[in-house]
Protein backbone atom coordinates (compact mmCIF):
# COMPACT_ATOMS: atom_id res chain seq x y z
CA MET A 1 -37.39 -23.52 9.44
CA ARG A 2 -38.09 -25.27 6.04
CA ILE A 3 -41.56 -23.71 5.88
CA SER A 4 -40.08 -20.26 6.78
CA SER A 5 -37.40 -20.61 4.06
CA PHE A 6 -40.07 -21.75 1.56
CA ILE A 7 -42.36 -18.72 2.31
CA ALA A 8 -39.35 -16.39 2.22
CA GLY A 9 -38.26 -17.72 -1.19
CA ARG A 10 -41.80 -17.30 -2.66
CA ILE A 11 -42.00 -13.70 -1.33
CA ALA A 12 -38.52 -12.72 -2.37
CA PHE A 13 -38.82 -13.85 -5.96
CA ASN A 14 -42.45 -12.93 -6.42
CA LYS A 15 -42.69 -10.90 -9.62
CA SER A 16 -45.95 -9.22 -8.96
CA SER A 17 -45.64 -5.45 -8.73
CA SER A 18 -45.71 -4.00 -5.22
CA PHE A 19 -44.08 -1.37 -3.06
CA SER A 20 -41.89 -4.09 -1.45
CA ARG A 21 -40.57 -5.08 -4.97
CA PHE A 22 -39.29 -1.49 -5.24
CA ILE A 23 -37.78 -1.67 -1.76
CA ILE A 24 -36.10 -4.91 -2.48
CA ARG A 25 -34.43 -3.44 -5.59
CA ILE A 26 -33.32 -0.38 -3.70
CA ALA A 27 -31.89 -2.65 -0.88
CA ILE A 28 -29.99 -4.82 -3.37
CA ALA A 29 -28.57 -1.73 -5.11
CA ALA A 30 -27.53 -0.13 -1.80
CA THR A 31 -25.91 -3.29 -0.56
CA ALA A 32 -24.06 -3.79 -3.92
CA VAL A 33 -22.70 -0.25 -3.79
CA SER A 34 -21.52 -0.75 -0.15
CA VAL A 35 -19.79 -4.00 -0.91
CA ALA A 36 -18.21 -2.63 -4.17
CA VAL A 37 -16.82 0.43 -2.27
CA MET A 38 -15.36 -1.79 0.45
CA ILE A 39 -13.65 -4.02 -2.13
CA LEU A 40 -12.31 -1.04 -4.07
CA ALA A 41 -11.16 0.57 -0.79
CA THR A 42 -9.06 -2.46 0.25
CA ALA A 43 -7.65 -2.82 -3.35
CA LEU A 44 -6.68 0.85 -3.61
CA VAL A 45 -5.07 1.02 -0.14
CA ALA A 46 -3.14 -2.20 -0.60
CA GLY A 47 -2.01 -1.06 -4.03
CA PHE A 48 -0.98 2.34 -2.86
CA GLN A 49 1.02 0.91 0.08
CA GLN A 50 2.68 -1.80 -2.08
CA THR A 51 3.67 0.66 -4.78
CA ILE A 52 5.17 3.19 -2.32
CA GLN A 53 7.02 0.45 -0.32
CA GLY A 54 8.28 -1.01 -3.54
CA LYS A 55 9.80 2.28 -4.59
CA ILE A 56 11.42 2.87 -1.23
CA PHE A 57 12.86 -0.71 -0.93
CA SER A 58 14.03 -0.78 -4.63
CA PHE A 59 16.00 2.45 -4.13
CA TRP A 60 17.44 1.79 -0.69
CA GLY A 61 17.04 -1.85 0.14
CA HIS A 62 15.27 -3.21 3.23
CA LEU A 63 18.11 -3.21 5.73
CA HIS A 64 21.24 -1.09 6.22
CA ILE A 65 24.42 -2.35 7.78
CA THR A 66 26.61 0.54 8.93
CA GLN A 67 29.09 1.47 11.70
CA PHE A 68 27.14 2.26 14.91
CA GLN A 69 26.54 6.08 15.29
CA PRO A 70 24.25 7.23 18.13
CA ASN A 71 21.39 9.36 16.92
CA ALA A 72 22.31 8.88 13.25
CA GLY A 73 19.77 10.40 10.83
CA PRO A 74 18.90 9.25 7.32
CA LEU A 75 21.28 11.87 5.84
CA THR A 76 24.25 11.25 8.11
CA ASP A 77 27.50 10.37 6.37
CA GLU A 78 28.67 6.86 7.32
CA LEU A 79 31.88 5.95 9.05
CA PRO A 80 34.07 3.66 6.89
CA PHE A 81 34.88 0.02 7.56
CA PRO A 82 36.55 -2.60 5.32
CA ASP A 83 34.48 -4.45 2.78
CA ARG A 84 34.51 -8.08 4.04
CA GLN A 85 33.38 -10.76 1.65
CA THR A 86 33.04 -13.18 4.54
CA LEU A 87 30.55 -10.92 6.21
CA VAL A 88 28.61 -10.42 2.96
CA ASP A 89 28.49 -14.22 2.45
CA SER A 90 27.32 -14.79 6.09
CA VAL A 91 24.38 -12.35 5.61
CA ARG A 92 23.49 -13.78 2.20
CA ASN A 93 23.33 -17.31 3.68
CA ILE A 94 20.53 -16.29 6.07
CA PRO A 95 17.28 -17.83 4.68
CA GLY A 96 15.12 -15.07 3.32
CA ILE A 97 17.90 -12.68 2.49
CA GLY A 98 18.32 -11.72 -1.24
CA ASN A 99 21.03 -9.34 -2.50
CA VAL A 100 23.65 -7.55 -0.47
CA GLN A 101 25.56 -4.54 -1.95
CA ALA A 102 27.99 -1.90 -0.79
CA TYR A 103 27.40 1.82 -0.70
CA ALA A 104 28.56 5.10 0.78
CA THR A 105 27.11 8.60 0.83
CA LYS A 106 28.55 12.11 0.95
CA SER A 107 26.94 15.50 1.21
CA ALA A 108 27.41 17.73 -1.84
CA MET A 109 26.16 20.62 -3.90
CA ILE A 110 25.54 20.82 -7.63
CA LYS A 111 26.17 24.14 -9.43
CA ALA A 112 24.93 24.53 -13.00
CA ASN A 113 23.25 27.29 -15.11
CA ASN A 114 23.48 29.80 -12.18
CA GLY A 115 21.60 27.44 -9.98
CA ILE A 116 22.64 25.45 -6.85
CA GLU A 117 21.08 22.34 -5.37
CA GLY A 118 22.08 20.53 -2.19
CA VAL A 119 22.23 16.77 -2.66
CA ILE A 120 23.48 13.51 -1.16
CA PHE A 121 25.94 11.66 -3.41
CA LYS A 122 25.22 7.91 -3.14
CA GLY A 123 28.26 5.90 -4.22
CA VAL A 124 27.91 2.36 -5.57
CA ASP A 125 30.31 -0.15 -7.02
CA ARG A 126 30.26 -2.35 -10.19
CA HIS A 127 28.36 -5.07 -8.40
CA TYR A 128 25.29 -2.80 -7.78
CA ASP A 129 22.01 -4.44 -8.98
CA TRP A 130 20.86 -2.01 -11.62
CA GLN A 131 17.61 -3.92 -12.11
CA GLN A 132 16.37 -2.35 -8.91
CA LEU A 133 16.87 1.15 -10.29
CA GLN A 134 15.88 0.49 -13.89
CA ARG A 135 12.19 0.83 -13.18
CA PHE A 136 12.81 4.49 -12.22
CA MET A 137 15.05 5.46 -15.11
CA ARG A 138 13.63 8.12 -17.44
CA GLN A 139 16.68 8.62 -19.65
CA GLY A 140 20.12 7.02 -19.97
CA GLY A 141 21.31 3.96 -18.08
CA ALA A 142 23.83 2.58 -15.59
CA LEU A 143 27.23 3.94 -14.71
CA HIS A 144 30.36 2.88 -16.60
CA PHE A 145 33.08 1.96 -14.18
CA ASN A 146 36.80 2.22 -14.73
CA ASP A 147 39.49 -0.25 -13.42
CA SER A 148 42.16 2.33 -12.84
CA THR A 149 40.24 5.36 -11.50
CA TYR A 150 36.82 6.47 -10.45
CA SER A 151 34.00 6.86 -12.98
CA LEU A 152 32.98 10.30 -13.97
CA ASP A 153 29.39 9.20 -14.72
CA ILE A 154 26.52 10.33 -12.54
CA ILE A 155 22.78 9.75 -12.36
CA ILE A 156 20.57 12.61 -11.17
CA SER A 157 16.83 12.91 -10.58
CA GLU A 158 14.36 14.46 -13.01
CA HIS A 159 13.61 17.05 -10.33
CA THR A 160 17.26 18.05 -10.06
CA ALA A 161 17.64 18.18 -13.87
CA LYS A 162 14.69 20.41 -14.21
CA ALA A 163 15.69 22.70 -11.37
CA LEU A 164 19.20 23.24 -12.80
CA GLN A 165 18.13 23.10 -16.51
CA LEU A 166 20.27 20.05 -17.18
CA GLN A 167 19.91 17.34 -19.79
CA LEU A 168 21.34 13.89 -20.45
CA TYR A 169 25.17 13.91 -21.05
CA ASP A 170 25.49 17.48 -19.82
CA PRO A 171 28.63 18.16 -17.77
CA LEU A 172 28.23 19.63 -14.28
CA ILE A 173 30.29 20.66 -11.27
CA VAL A 174 29.73 18.86 -7.98
CA TYR A 175 31.07 20.45 -4.77
CA PHE A 176 31.68 17.78 -2.06
CA ILE A 177 31.40 19.02 1.53
CA GLN A 178 34.55 18.03 3.45
CA GLY A 179 33.69 19.24 6.99
CA ASN A 180 36.06 20.13 9.77
CA GLY A 181 36.43 23.65 8.34
CA GLN A 182 37.87 22.37 5.03
CA PRO A 183 36.72 24.00 1.81
CA PRO A 184 34.48 21.97 -0.59
CA ARG A 185 36.29 19.84 -3.22
CA ALA A 186 34.94 20.20 -6.73
CA ARG A 187 34.67 17.47 -9.36
CA LYS A 188 33.46 17.73 -12.98
CA LEU A 189 31.14 14.90 -13.79
CA LYS A 190 28.84 13.90 -16.61
CA ILE A 191 25.15 12.98 -16.50
CA THR A 192 24.57 9.52 -17.99
CA GLY A 193 21.17 8.84 -16.44
CA ILE A 194 17.99 10.60 -15.13
CA TYR A 195 15.66 8.84 -12.74
CA LYS A 196 12.33 9.64 -11.13
CA THR A 197 10.74 7.82 -8.19
CA SER A 198 8.08 10.48 -7.49
CA ILE A 199 9.02 10.34 -3.82
CA GLU A 200 10.05 13.79 -2.73
CA ASP A 201 12.53 12.70 -0.08
CA TYR A 202 14.48 10.81 -2.81
CA ASP A 203 14.14 12.89 -5.93
CA LYS A 204 15.17 16.10 -4.17
CA THR A 205 18.09 14.61 -2.33
CA PHE A 206 19.92 11.81 -4.01
CA ILE A 207 22.31 11.52 -7.00
CA ILE A 208 24.13 8.27 -7.85
CA GLY A 209 27.82 7.82 -8.68
CA ASP A 210 30.91 5.73 -8.17
CA ILE A 211 31.83 4.75 -4.57
CA SER A 212 35.49 5.12 -5.59
CA LEU A 213 35.07 8.87 -5.85
CA ILE A 214 33.93 8.93 -2.25
CA ARG A 215 36.96 6.84 -1.15
CA ARG A 216 39.25 9.30 -2.97
CA LEU A 217 37.63 12.34 -1.47
CA ASN A 218 37.48 11.00 2.09
CA ASP A 219 40.98 9.42 1.92
CA TRP A 220 39.50 6.03 2.63
CA ALA A 221 41.27 2.76 1.91
CA PRO A 222 40.50 1.19 -1.53
CA GLN A 223 38.23 -1.51 0.05
CA ASP A 224 36.43 0.77 2.55
CA VAL A 225 32.62 1.11 2.36
CA GLY A 226 30.05 3.21 4.19
CA GLY A 227 27.58 0.29 4.52
CA TYR A 228 25.64 -2.51 2.98
CA GLU A 229 22.15 -2.45 1.50
CA VAL A 230 20.33 -5.78 2.28
CA PHE A 231 17.35 -6.90 0.23
CA VAL A 232 14.97 -9.41 1.70
CA LYS A 233 12.68 -11.73 -0.23
CA ASP A 234 9.55 -11.29 1.96
CA VAL A 235 9.01 -7.84 3.51
CA ARG A 236 6.67 -9.36 6.15
CA GLN A 237 9.78 -11.08 7.62
CA LEU A 238 11.67 -7.80 7.81
CA ASP A 239 11.81 -7.46 11.57
CA THR A 240 12.70 -11.15 12.04
CA LEU A 241 15.56 -11.07 9.45
CA SER A 242 16.78 -7.71 11.02
CA HIS A 243 17.36 -9.51 14.29
CA GLN A 244 19.06 -12.45 12.58
CA VAL A 245 21.40 -10.16 10.70
CA TYR A 246 22.21 -8.25 13.87
CA ASN A 247 23.20 -11.41 15.70
CA ILE A 248 25.97 -12.23 13.20
CA LEU A 249 27.47 -8.72 12.88
CA PRO A 250 30.72 -7.65 14.51
CA GLN A 251 30.39 -5.53 17.68
CA GLN A 252 31.14 -2.19 15.93
CA LEU A 253 28.50 -2.69 13.16
CA ASP A 254 24.71 -2.04 13.48
CA VAL A 255 21.70 -2.85 11.32
CA ARG A 256 18.66 -0.67 10.79
CA SER A 257 15.56 -1.35 8.71
CA ILE A 258 14.45 1.29 6.20
CA LYS A 259 11.34 1.70 8.37
CA GLU A 260 13.60 2.96 11.16
CA ILE A 261 15.50 5.29 8.82
CA TYR A 262 12.42 6.80 7.25
CA PRO A 263 9.73 6.46 9.95
CA ASN A 264 7.67 9.37 8.72
CA ILE A 265 6.94 7.68 5.37
CA PHE A 266 5.95 4.41 6.97
CA ASP A 267 3.90 6.09 9.65
CA TRP A 268 2.05 7.87 6.82
CA LEU A 269 1.48 4.63 5.05
CA GLY A 270 0.22 3.11 8.26
CA LEU A 271 -2.48 5.82 8.38
CA GLN A 272 -3.91 4.41 5.22
CA ASP A 273 -4.93 1.31 7.22
CA LYS A 274 -6.98 3.49 9.49
CA THR A 275 -8.60 5.18 6.48
CA GLU A 276 -9.39 1.80 5.01
CA ALA A 277 -10.98 0.67 8.32
CA LEU A 278 -13.06 3.79 8.48
CA VAL A 279 -14.46 3.19 4.97
CA LEU A 280 -15.31 -0.33 5.83
CA VAL A 281 -17.02 0.62 9.03
CA ILE A 282 -19.05 3.37 7.30
CA MET A 283 -20.07 1.09 4.41
CA THR A 284 -21.09 -1.59 6.86
CA ILE A 285 -23.24 0.89 8.75
CA VAL A 286 -24.85 1.97 5.46
CA ALA A 287 -25.61 -1.66 4.61
CA LEU A 288 -27.03 -2.24 8.09
CA ILE A 289 -29.32 0.81 8.01
CA ASN A 290 -30.43 -0.15 4.59
CA MET A 291 -31.37 -3.71 5.59
CA ILE A 292 -33.01 -2.66 8.82
CA THR A 293 -35.15 -0.22 6.84
CA ALA A 294 -35.97 -2.91 4.32
CA ILE A 295 -37.08 -5.54 6.87
CA LEU A 296 -39.35 -2.99 8.72
CA ILE A 297 -40.99 -1.99 5.44
CA LEU A 298 -41.41 -5.65 4.41
CA ILE A 299 -43.05 -6.52 7.82
CA LEU A 300 -45.35 -3.49 7.73
CA GLU A 301 -46.45 -4.27 4.14
CA ARG A 302 -47.22 -7.86 4.89
CA THR A 303 -48.85 -7.30 8.24
CA ASN A 304 -51.99 -9.14 6.93
CA MET A 305 -49.85 -12.16 6.09
CA VAL A 306 -48.30 -12.11 9.50
CA GLY A 307 -51.80 -12.21 11.08
CA VAL A 308 -52.88 -15.16 8.89
CA LEU A 309 -49.75 -17.11 9.77
CA LYS A 310 -50.25 -16.47 13.44
CA ALA A 311 -53.94 -17.59 13.14
CA LEU A 312 -52.76 -20.79 11.58
CA GLY A 313 -50.54 -21.46 14.57
CA MET A 314 -47.16 -20.42 13.32
CA ARG A 315 -44.80 -19.20 16.13
CA ASN A 316 -43.29 -15.73 16.27
CA GLY A 317 -39.77 -17.23 15.83
CA SER A 318 -40.76 -18.94 12.61
CA ILE A 319 -42.48 -15.80 11.23
CA ARG A 320 -39.47 -13.78 12.06
CA ALA A 321 -37.31 -16.27 10.23
CA VAL A 322 -39.49 -15.77 7.13
CA PHE A 323 -38.47 -12.06 6.94
CA ILE A 324 -34.88 -12.72 7.98
CA TYR A 325 -34.51 -15.29 5.27
CA GLN A 326 -36.14 -12.87 2.79
CA CYS A 327 -33.49 -10.24 3.74
CA ALA A 328 -30.80 -12.80 3.52
CA TYR A 329 -31.75 -13.42 -0.08
CA ILE A 330 -31.62 -9.65 -0.67
CA LEU A 331 -28.24 -9.51 1.04
CA GLY A 332 -26.87 -12.36 -1.01
CA ALA A 333 -27.99 -10.74 -4.28
CA GLY A 334 -26.56 -7.41 -3.28
CA ILE A 335 -23.22 -8.91 -2.15
CA LEU A 336 -22.93 -10.88 -5.43
CA LEU A 337 -23.73 -7.79 -7.55
CA GLY A 338 -21.27 -5.78 -5.40
CA ASN A 339 -18.50 -8.24 -6.04
CA VAL A 340 -19.15 -8.09 -9.83
CA LEU A 341 -19.17 -4.24 -9.69
CA GLY A 342 -16.17 -3.86 -7.32
CA LEU A 343 -13.96 -6.47 -8.92
CA GLY A 344 -14.97 -5.32 -12.40
CA LEU A 345 -13.85 -1.79 -11.74
CA ALA A 346 -10.74 -3.07 -10.06
CA PHE A 347 -9.71 -5.17 -13.09
CA VAL A 348 -10.50 -2.37 -15.53
CA GLN A 349 -8.24 0.03 -13.54
CA LEU A 350 -5.56 -2.74 -13.35
CA LYS A 351 -5.52 -3.22 -17.02
CA THR A 352 -6.11 0.30 -18.34
CA GLY A 353 -5.17 2.70 -15.55
CA PHE A 354 -8.05 5.03 -16.49
CA PHE A 355 -8.07 6.73 -13.09
CA LYS A 356 -5.17 9.09 -13.11
CA LEU A 357 -3.51 10.75 -10.05
CA GLN A 358 -1.39 13.83 -9.54
CA GLU A 359 2.02 12.22 -9.37
CA ASP A 360 3.66 14.96 -7.28
CA ALA A 361 1.02 14.56 -4.62
CA TYR A 362 0.41 10.81 -4.68
CA TYR A 363 3.82 9.50 -5.79
CA MET A 364 2.35 7.55 -8.65
CA PRO A 365 0.71 8.63 -12.04
CA VAL A 366 -2.30 6.18 -11.75
CA ALA A 367 -4.21 4.64 -8.87
CA ALA A 368 -2.52 1.38 -8.05
CA ILE A 369 -4.65 -1.73 -7.50
CA SER A 370 -3.84 -4.86 -5.53
CA ILE A 371 -6.69 -7.24 -5.12
CA GLN A 372 -6.78 -8.82 -1.69
CA TRP A 373 -8.74 -12.06 -2.01
CA GLY A 374 -8.64 -12.80 1.63
CA LYS A 375 -10.01 -9.37 2.58
CA ILE A 376 -12.71 -9.73 -0.08
CA LEU A 377 -13.75 -13.00 1.56
CA VAL A 378 -13.90 -11.39 4.97
CA ILE A 379 -15.93 -8.49 3.51
CA ASN A 380 -18.47 -10.86 1.99
CA LEU A 381 -18.87 -13.11 4.99
CA GLY A 382 -18.67 -10.23 7.51
CA THR A 383 -21.32 -8.18 5.71
CA PHE A 384 -23.64 -11.16 5.41
CA ILE A 385 -23.22 -12.36 9.02
CA VAL A 386 -23.28 -8.93 10.64
CA CYS A 387 -26.37 -7.74 8.72
CA THR A 388 -28.24 -11.02 9.10
CA CYS A 389 -27.63 -11.13 12.86
CA THR A 390 -28.54 -7.47 13.33
CA LEU A 391 -31.96 -8.09 11.55
CA ILE A 392 -33.03 -10.17 14.52
CA VAL A 393 -33.63 -6.99 16.55
CA PRO A 394 -36.09 -5.24 14.19
CA SER A 395 -37.85 -8.56 13.42
CA LEU A 396 -38.99 -8.60 17.06
CA LEU A 397 -41.73 -6.17 15.92
CA ILE A 398 -43.57 -9.26 14.72
CA SER A 399 -44.24 -10.47 18.33
CA ARG A 400 -46.15 -7.21 18.92
CA ILE A 401 -48.61 -7.70 16.04
CA ALA A 402 -52.01 -9.04 17.16
CA PRO A 403 -53.41 -11.66 14.77
CA LEU A 404 -57.02 -10.27 14.71
CA LYS A 405 -55.90 -6.69 14.00
CA ALA A 406 -53.39 -7.84 11.54
CA ILE A 407 -55.87 -9.83 9.45
CA ARG A 408 -58.14 -6.72 9.32
CA PHE A 409 -55.15 -4.49 8.45
CA LYS A 410 -55.12 -3.04 4.89
């Protein structure tokens, strides 16, 4: 194998002009493009998924603790239960759990400037972690809470503000749906913040205000809540932590992950993995076809050399190894160049965000990048091993070459 490797190195790095030199350059370029596309595909898909999941989890938490309601949907008003600090402390003491905060929701309509929008009023208290929402704020800031009564402040989405021609600090009338045949109850509130997540399910639906207002409208006790939002430290442990939280809850309470509440969004995100896999398969096939074509052309161009080596007593396996080694050198150069190209473009996008997206369609203004070093290693090793092993098949052509005819071949 040493002689095969030596001959392959001399052929591969021979600087004399020939048709094979052109083929080698084409093979290196094609391999580089294939590897670069695979690296960018993994970085873009991972970045897209992490950005969307980050928006969803930041706005609604990872887990919801509520009273059990069969067939409850994402917009179903919660049943009240007392806010228990002992329960909150028990959940927080579970390893992997971050923040726990109370909330409640109520269906409502906003009427302003001859327009009406149906919304869900999300009530929070003074202990709400505004850092989670701050990344989405376009104007204004957090609610200002009162000790004696409920706050009149409200945060609406940029979509709702544009639809109703509202601006920061404008007053508006919110009509809360009471149900059971009762007429809506109106409250005059003031806009103190405008947010935008770019996720249609949120921006068209939710406004944020004081949970005390919901307690007053629903005739709840002063300490009643609709549920708790639970934030986890590692989203990969979400299912495990959901089971652990469920095991310590009282019988009347239930826990659901945000993936169960909004399955359509996460199913859609899961489809991106299939898209990524399809791109990887296509680019691997392109690299395979490229290398198979390259080795066949290299063998045919050096038929005379094959005949000489056979005449000198070199076995077919050793001669095949010459061309496989040569293609391995080409693969290595192409993979290295592909890493430089793919990672280079990824870092440029990461730093500059030069590739823009239509935010309404893709939920983000620029293409998000998340470099997955583990996947890049798999791409490099997988491309090299799969292509090199596949080259064994076309190299069998060498065993069909007769030495005498090969030596005379021109």
